[in-house]
Amino acid sequence: MAEALLRALYEDRYDICSAGTGPSRVINPYAIMVMVEIDVDISVKHSKCVDDFKEMNFYYVVTLSDHAKESCPLFPEHDVYLHHHFEDPTDFDGAGKEILVHFRQVRNKTRDWIEKTLGEEAEAAVDKLRGI
């Protein structure tokens, strides 16, 4: 969901690569549902493995769970490392509607964090620090 949110919000500003520490070919149906609610279709997407990107250079390296932070390989050619732990909505135990509500909450928290951390104001602050 985070990759799709970042693309929907700021694809014109960032070249986006996203991967999981344990990728899956199947996108969770609840994730698909809550993203469709905001007109973002992830139904044809699949998770990639972080190892596929370990030879690349990045300006930002972002992890969104403590597990990802601990198991993410080092990317020596990066300038900014960002971390925020979000609950994994697939770990939530409950019935269908409860699970959907939980996925919405994680989606909204993730979107808010992306806007705050990688949005226009945040980018301008980073540019200022870099002297651009």
N, C-alpha and C. Protein backbone atom coordinates (compact mmCIF):
# COMPACT_ATOMS: atom_id res chain seq x y z
N MET A 1 0.83 -1.19 0.00
CA MET A 1 0.00 0.00 0.00
C MET A 1 0.87 1.25 0.00
N ALA A 2 1.97 1.20 0.72
CA ALA A 2 2.82 2.39 0.82
C ALA A 2 3.38 2.80 -0.53
N GLU A 3 3.85 1.84 -1.31
CA GLU A 3 4.37 2.17 -2.63
C GLU A 3 3.29 2.80 -3.49
N ALA A 4 2.10 2.23 -3.49
CA ALA A 4 1.00 2.76 -4.30
C ALA A 4 0.59 4.16 -3.84
N LEU A 5 0.60 4.38 -2.54
CA LEU A 5 0.28 5.71 -2.02
C LEU A 5 1.33 6.73 -2.45
N LEU A 6 2.59 6.35 -2.32
CA LEU A 6 3.66 7.27 -2.72
C LEU A 6 3.57 7.59 -4.21
N ARG A 7 3.31 6.58 -5.02
CA ARG A 7 3.14 6.81 -6.46
C ARG A 7 1.96 7.73 -6.74
N ALA A 8 0.85 7.48 -6.08
CA ALA A 8 -0.35 8.29 -6.30
C ALA A 8 -0.13 9.75 -5.90
N LEU A 9 0.64 9.96 -4.84
CA LEU A 9 0.85 11.31 -4.33
C LEU A 9 2.01 12.04 -5.02
N TYR A 10 3.13 11.33 -5.26
CA TYR A 10 4.35 12.03 -5.63
C TYR A 10 5.17 11.35 -6.72
N GLU A 11 4.52 10.60 -7.59
CA GLU A 11 5.29 9.91 -8.62
C GLU A 11 6.05 10.89 -9.51
N ASP A 12 5.55 12.12 -9.61
CA ASP A 12 6.24 13.12 -10.43
C ASP A 12 7.53 13.62 -9.76
N ARG A 13 7.72 13.35 -8.48
CA ARG A 13 8.90 13.82 -7.76
C ARG A 13 9.94 12.76 -7.45
N TYR A 14 9.50 11.52 -7.38
CA TYR A 14 10.39 10.44 -6.95
C TYR A 14 10.38 9.29 -7.94
N ASP A 15 11.54 8.67 -8.13
CA ASP A 15 11.63 7.37 -8.78
C ASP A 15 11.47 6.36 -7.66
N ILE A 16 10.45 5.55 -7.73
CA ILE A 16 10.05 4.73 -6.59
C ILE A 16 10.34 3.26 -6.84
N CYS A 17 11.06 2.66 -5.93
CA CYS A 17 11.28 1.22 -5.91
C CYS A 17 10.80 0.74 -4.55
N SER A 18 10.11 -0.37 -4.54
CA SER A 18 9.59 -0.90 -3.29
C SER A 18 9.77 -2.40 -3.26
N ALA A 19 10.10 -2.90 -2.08
CA ALA A 19 10.29 -4.34 -1.92
C ALA A 19 10.03 -4.74 -0.49
N GLY A 20 9.72 -6.00 -0.34
CA GLY A 20 9.52 -6.55 0.98
C GLY A 20 10.68 -7.45 1.37
N THR A 21 10.79 -7.70 2.66
CA THR A 21 11.83 -8.60 3.12
C THR A 21 11.45 -10.05 2.84
N GLY A 22 10.17 -10.30 2.73
CA GLY A 22 9.66 -11.62 2.38
C GLY A 22 8.55 -11.45 1.37
N PRO A 23 8.89 -11.22 0.12
CA PRO A 23 7.88 -10.87 -0.88
C PRO A 23 6.88 -12.00 -1.15
N SER A 24 5.73 -11.58 -1.61
CA SER A 24 4.66 -12.51 -1.94
C SER A 24 4.12 -12.15 -3.31
N ARG A 25 3.71 -13.12 -4.06
CA ARG A 25 3.12 -12.87 -5.38
C ARG A 25 1.66 -12.46 -5.27
N VAL A 26 1.06 -12.66 -4.10
CA VAL A 26 -0.37 -12.41 -3.93
C VAL A 26 -0.57 -11.15 -3.08
N ILE A 27 -1.35 -10.22 -3.59
CA ILE A 27 -1.68 -9.01 -2.84
C ILE A 27 -2.90 -9.32 -1.97
N ASN A 28 -2.85 -8.92 -0.72
CA ASN A 28 -3.94 -9.18 0.20
C ASN A 28 -5.23 -8.53 -0.32
N PRO A 29 -6.32 -9.27 -0.37
CA PRO A 29 -7.57 -8.73 -0.90
C PRO A 29 -8.10 -7.52 -0.12
N TYR A 30 -7.82 -7.45 1.18
CA TYR A 30 -8.24 -6.28 1.96
C TYR A 30 -7.43 -5.05 1.55
N ALA A 31 -6.16 -5.23 1.25
CA ALA A 31 -5.35 -4.10 0.77
C ALA A 31 -5.90 -3.60 -0.57
N ILE A 32 -6.25 -4.52 -1.44
CA ILE A 32 -6.84 -4.13 -2.73
C ILE A 32 -8.11 -3.33 -2.50
N MET A 33 -8.98 -3.82 -1.61
CA MET A 33 -10.26 -3.14 -1.36
C MET A 33 -10.09 -1.73 -0.83
N VAL A 34 -9.20 -1.55 0.17
CA VAL A 34 -9.07 -0.21 0.75
C VAL A 34 -8.37 0.75 -0.18
N MET A 35 -7.54 0.24 -1.07
CA MET A 35 -6.89 1.13 -2.04
C MET A 35 -7.87 1.52 -3.15
N VAL A 36 -8.74 0.61 -3.57
CA VAL A 36 -9.77 0.93 -4.57
C VAL A 36 -10.67 2.05 -4.04
N GLU A 37 -10.91 2.05 -2.73
CA GLU A 37 -11.75 3.09 -2.12
C GLU A 37 -11.20 4.50 -2.38
N ILE A 38 -9.89 4.60 -2.58
CA ILE A 38 -9.28 5.91 -2.86
C ILE A 38 -8.78 5.99 -4.30
N ASP A 39 -9.38 5.16 -5.16
CA ASP A 39 -9.09 5.16 -6.60
C ASP A 39 -7.65 4.79 -6.95
N VAL A 40 -7.08 3.87 -6.20
CA VAL A 40 -5.74 3.36 -6.49
C VAL A 40 -5.86 1.84 -6.65
N ASP A 41 -5.55 1.36 -7.85
CA ASP A 41 -5.68 -0.07 -8.15
C ASP A 41 -4.34 -0.76 -7.97
N ILE A 42 -4.27 -1.68 -7.02
CA ILE A 42 -3.05 -2.45 -6.80
C ILE A 42 -3.27 -3.93 -7.12
N SER A 43 -4.38 -4.24 -7.74
CA SER A 43 -4.74 -5.64 -7.95
C SER A 43 -3.78 -6.39 -8.87
N VAL A 44 -3.10 -5.69 -9.74
CA VAL A 44 -2.17 -6.36 -10.67
C VAL A 44 -0.72 -6.24 -10.21
N LYS A 45 -0.49 -5.71 -9.04
CA LYS A 45 0.86 -5.55 -8.51
C LYS A 45 1.33 -6.82 -7.82
N HIS A 46 2.62 -6.90 -7.57
CA HIS A 46 3.18 -8.00 -6.78
C HIS A 46 4.36 -7.45 -5.97
N SER A 47 4.64 -8.13 -4.90
CA SER A 47 5.74 -7.73 -4.04
C SER A 47 7.06 -8.17 -4.66
N LYS A 48 8.04 -7.29 -4.55
CA LYS A 48 9.39 -7.60 -5.02
C LYS A 48 10.28 -7.87 -3.80
N CYS A 49 11.42 -8.47 -4.03
CA CYS A 49 12.34 -8.78 -2.94
C CYS A 49 13.39 -7.68 -2.82
N VAL A 50 13.68 -7.27 -1.62
CA VAL A 50 14.65 -6.21 -1.37
C VAL A 50 16.03 -6.57 -1.95
N ASP A 51 16.34 -7.85 -2.03
CA ASP A 51 17.62 -8.27 -2.59
C ASP A 51 17.76 -7.87 -4.06
N ASP A 52 16.65 -7.69 -4.75
CA ASP A 52 16.68 -7.28 -6.16
C ASP A 52 17.25 -5.87 -6.34
N PHE A 53 17.28 -5.10 -5.27
CA PHE A 53 17.70 -3.71 -5.36
C PHE A 53 19.00 -3.40 -4.63
N LYS A 54 19.66 -4.41 -4.07
CA LYS A 54 20.81 -4.13 -3.20
C LYS A 54 22.01 -3.54 -3.93
N GLU A 55 22.06 -3.63 -5.23
CA GLU A 55 23.17 -3.03 -5.98
C GLU A 55 22.85 -1.60 -6.45
N MET A 56 21.67 -1.12 -6.15
CA MET A 56 21.27 0.22 -6.61
C MET A 56 21.63 1.29 -5.59
N ASN A 57 21.72 2.51 -6.04
CA ASN A 57 21.97 3.66 -5.18
C ASN A 57 20.66 4.42 -5.00
N PHE A 58 20.41 4.85 -3.79
CA PHE A 58 19.18 5.56 -3.48
C PHE A 58 19.50 6.83 -2.70
N TYR A 59 18.68 7.85 -2.88
CA TYR A 59 18.78 9.02 -2.02
C TYR A 59 18.09 8.70 -0.69
N TYR A 60 16.85 8.20 -0.76
CA TYR A 60 16.11 7.81 0.43
C TYR A 60 16.04 6.29 0.51
N VAL A 61 16.23 5.76 1.71
CA VAL A 61 15.90 4.38 2.01
C VAL A 61 14.88 4.46 3.14
N VAL A 62 13.72 3.86 2.91
CA VAL A 62 12.60 3.97 3.84
C VAL A 62 12.19 2.58 4.30
N THR A 63 12.06 2.39 5.60
CA THR A 63 11.50 1.15 6.13
C THR A 63 10.26 1.51 6.95
N LEU A 64 9.25 0.63 6.86
CA LEU A 64 7.97 0.94 7.49
C LEU A 64 7.53 -0.09 8.52
N SER A 65 8.47 -0.91 8.95
CA SER A 65 8.20 -1.81 10.07
C SER A 65 9.53 -2.07 10.76
N ASP A 66 9.45 -2.43 12.03
CA ASP A 66 10.68 -2.72 12.76
C ASP A 66 11.37 -3.95 12.17
N HIS A 67 10.60 -4.93 11.74
CA HIS A 67 11.19 -6.11 11.11
C HIS A 67 11.95 -5.73 9.84
N ALA A 68 11.36 -4.86 9.03
CA ALA A 68 12.04 -4.42 7.80
C ALA A 68 13.32 -3.67 8.14
N LYS A 69 13.27 -2.84 9.16
CA LYS A 69 14.46 -2.08 9.56
C LYS A 69 15.59 -3.02 9.97
N GLU A 70 15.24 -4.06 10.72
CA GLU A 70 16.25 -4.99 11.22
C GLU A 70 16.80 -5.90 10.12
N SER A 71 15.98 -6.24 9.13
CA SER A 71 16.42 -7.20 8.13
C SER A 71 16.74 -6.59 6.77
N CYS A 72 16.59 -5.28 6.64
CA CYS A 72 16.89 -4.61 5.38
C CYS A 72 18.39 -4.63 5.13
N PRO A 73 18.81 -5.01 3.94
CA PRO A 73 20.25 -4.97 3.66
C PRO A 73 20.75 -3.52 3.65
N LEU A 74 22.02 -3.37 3.82
CA LEU A 74 22.61 -2.03 3.80
C LEU A 74 22.65 -1.50 2.37
N PHE A 75 22.32 -0.25 2.22
CA PHE A 75 22.45 0.45 0.95
C PHE A 75 23.46 1.56 1.19
N PRO A 76 24.75 1.28 0.93
CA PRO A 76 25.79 2.25 1.30
C PRO A 76 25.68 3.58 0.56
N GLU A 77 25.12 3.58 -0.62
CA GLU A 77 25.00 4.82 -1.40
C GLU A 77 23.64 5.45 -1.21
N HIS A 78 23.32 5.87 0.00
CA HIS A 78 22.08 6.60 0.25
C HIS A 78 22.41 7.78 1.16
N ASP A 79 21.59 8.81 1.05
CA ASP A 79 21.82 10.02 1.85
C ASP A 79 20.92 10.10 3.07
N VAL A 80 19.69 9.64 2.93
CA VAL A 80 18.70 9.80 4.00
C VAL A 80 18.05 8.45 4.28
N TYR A 81 18.06 8.05 5.55
CA TYR A 81 17.40 6.84 5.99
C TYR A 81 16.19 7.25 6.81
N LEU A 82 15.02 6.77 6.42
CA LEU A 82 13.78 7.10 7.13
C LEU A 82 13.13 5.82 7.64
N HIS A 83 12.67 5.86 8.87
CA HIS A 83 11.99 4.69 9.43
C HIS A 83 10.77 5.14 10.22
N HIS A 84 9.70 4.40 10.03
CA HIS A 84 8.51 4.55 10.86
C HIS A 84 7.84 3.19 10.94
N HIS A 85 7.53 2.77 12.13
CA HIS A 85 6.90 1.46 12.28
C HIS A 85 5.37 1.58 12.15
N PHE A 86 4.83 0.85 11.21
CA PHE A 86 3.39 0.71 11.07
C PHE A 86 3.03 -0.73 11.39
N GLU A 87 1.87 -0.92 12.00
CA GLU A 87 1.39 -2.27 12.23
C GLU A 87 1.19 -2.96 10.89
N ASP A 88 1.47 -4.24 10.85
CA ASP A 88 1.17 -5.03 9.66
C ASP A 88 -0.31 -5.38 9.74
N PRO A 89 -1.12 -4.85 8.84
CA PRO A 89 -2.56 -5.10 8.95
C PRO A 89 -2.92 -6.57 8.75
N THR A 90 -2.04 -7.34 8.14
CA THR A 90 -2.32 -8.77 7.97
C THR A 90 -2.19 -9.54 9.29
N ASP A 91 -1.59 -8.93 10.30
CA ASP A 91 -1.47 -9.57 11.61
C ASP A 91 -2.72 -9.40 12.47
N PHE A 92 -3.66 -8.57 12.03
CA PHE A 92 -4.85 -8.28 12.82
C PHE A 92 -5.80 -9.47 12.80
N ASP A 93 -6.27 -9.85 13.98
CA ASP A 93 -7.26 -10.92 14.10
C ASP A 93 -8.63 -10.29 14.23
N GLY A 94 -9.55 -10.74 13.42
CA GLY A 94 -10.90 -10.23 13.50
C GLY A 94 -11.74 -10.75 12.35
N ALA A 95 -12.97 -10.29 12.31
CA ALA A 95 -13.89 -10.67 11.24
C ALA A 95 -13.72 -9.71 10.06
N GLY A 96 -14.36 -10.01 8.94
CA GLY A 96 -14.21 -9.27 7.70
C GLY A 96 -14.28 -7.76 7.82
N LYS A 97 -15.37 -7.23 8.42
CA LYS A 97 -15.51 -5.77 8.53
C LYS A 97 -14.46 -5.18 9.46
N GLU A 98 -14.13 -5.89 10.53
CA GLU A 98 -13.10 -5.41 11.45
C GLU A 98 -11.74 -5.34 10.77
N ILE A 99 -11.44 -6.35 9.98
CA ILE A 99 -10.17 -6.37 9.26
C ILE A 99 -10.12 -5.22 8.27
N LEU A 100 -11.22 -4.98 7.57
CA LEU A 100 -11.28 -3.88 6.60
C LEU A 100 -11.06 -2.53 7.29
N VAL A 101 -11.66 -2.34 8.44
CA VAL A 101 -11.46 -1.10 9.21
C VAL A 101 -9.99 -0.96 9.58
N HIS A 102 -9.37 -2.05 10.01
CA HIS A 102 -7.96 -2.00 10.40
C HIS A 102 -7.07 -1.66 9.20
N PHE A 103 -7.34 -2.25 8.04
CA PHE A 103 -6.57 -1.94 6.84
C PHE A 103 -6.74 -0.46 6.47
N ARG A 104 -7.96 0.07 6.60
CA ARG A 104 -8.18 1.50 6.33
C ARG A 104 -7.34 2.37 7.26
N GLN A 105 -7.31 2.00 8.54
CA GLN A 105 -6.55 2.79 9.51
C GLN A 105 -5.06 2.80 9.15
N VAL A 106 -4.52 1.64 8.80
CA VAL A 106 -3.10 1.57 8.43
C VAL A 106 -2.87 2.34 7.14
N ARG A 107 -3.77 2.23 6.17
CA ARG A 107 -3.64 2.99 4.91
C ARG A 107 -3.61 4.48 5.20
N ASN A 108 -4.54 4.95 6.02
CA ASN A 108 -4.61 6.39 6.31
C ASN A 108 -3.40 6.89 7.09
N LYS A 109 -2.94 6.11 8.06
CA LYS A 109 -1.74 6.50 8.81
C LYS A 109 -0.52 6.54 7.89
N THR A 110 -0.45 5.57 7.00
CA THR A 110 0.68 5.53 6.06
C THR A 110 0.64 6.73 5.13
N ARG A 111 -0.54 7.04 4.58
CA ARG A 111 -0.68 8.20 3.70
C ARG A 111 -0.31 9.49 4.43
N ASP A 112 -0.78 9.65 5.67
CA ASP A 112 -0.45 10.85 6.44
C ASP A 112 1.05 10.97 6.68
N TRP A 113 1.70 9.85 7.01
CA TRP A 113 3.15 9.87 7.24
C TRP A 113 3.89 10.21 5.96
N ILE A 114 3.48 9.64 4.84
CA ILE A 114 4.13 9.94 3.56
C ILE A 114 4.00 11.42 3.24
N GLU A 115 2.81 11.97 3.41
CA GLU A 115 2.61 13.40 3.12
C GLU A 115 3.47 14.27 4.01
N LYS A 116 3.55 13.92 5.29
CA LYS A 116 4.34 14.70 6.25
C LYS A 116 5.84 14.56 5.99
N THR A 117 6.27 13.35 5.66
CA THR A 117 7.70 13.06 5.58
C THR A 117 8.28 13.29 4.19
N LEU A 118 7.52 13.02 3.15
CA LEU A 118 8.04 13.11 1.79
C LEU A 118 7.28 14.11 0.92
N GLY A 119 6.39 14.83 1.53
CA GLY A 119 5.60 15.81 0.79
C GLY A 119 6.40 17.03 0.41
N GLU A 120 5.71 17.99 -0.17
CA GLU A 120 6.35 19.18 -0.72
C GLU A 120 7.13 19.96 0.34
N GLU A 121 6.54 20.15 1.52
CA GLU A 121 7.22 20.91 2.57
C GLU A 121 8.47 20.17 3.05
N ALA A 122 8.37 18.85 3.21
CA ALA A 122 9.52 18.06 3.65
C ALA A 122 10.62 18.09 2.60
N GLU A 123 10.24 17.99 1.33
CA GLU A 123 11.23 18.02 0.25
C GLU A 123 11.93 19.38 0.20
N ALA A 124 11.18 20.44 0.41
CA ALA A 124 11.76 21.79 0.40
C ALA A 124 12.76 21.94 1.55
N ALA A 125 12.44 21.36 2.72
CA ALA A 125 13.35 21.44 3.85
C ALA A 125 14.64 20.67 3.56
N VAL A 126 14.54 19.51 2.95
CA VAL A 126 15.73 18.73 2.60
C VAL A 126 16.56 19.50 1.57
N ASP A 127 15.91 20.07 0.56
CA ASP A 127 16.61 20.86 -0.45
C ASP A 127 17.35 22.03 0.18
N LYS A 128 16.73 22.67 1.14
CA LYS A 128 17.35 23.80 1.83
C LYS A 128 18.62 23.35 2.56
N LEU A 129 18.52 22.21 3.24
CA LEU A 129 19.68 21.67 3.94
C LEU A 129 20.80 21.30 2.98
N ARG A 130 20.43 20.84 1.79
CA ARG A 130 21.43 20.45 0.78
C ARG A 130 21.93 21.66 -0.01
N GLY A 131 21.36 22.84 0.24
CA GLY A 131 21.81 24.05 -0.45
C GLY A 131 21.28 24.20 -1.85
N ILE A 132 20.14 23.58 -2.14
CA ILE A 132 19.55 23.68 -3.50
C ILE A 132 18.53 24.80 -3.53
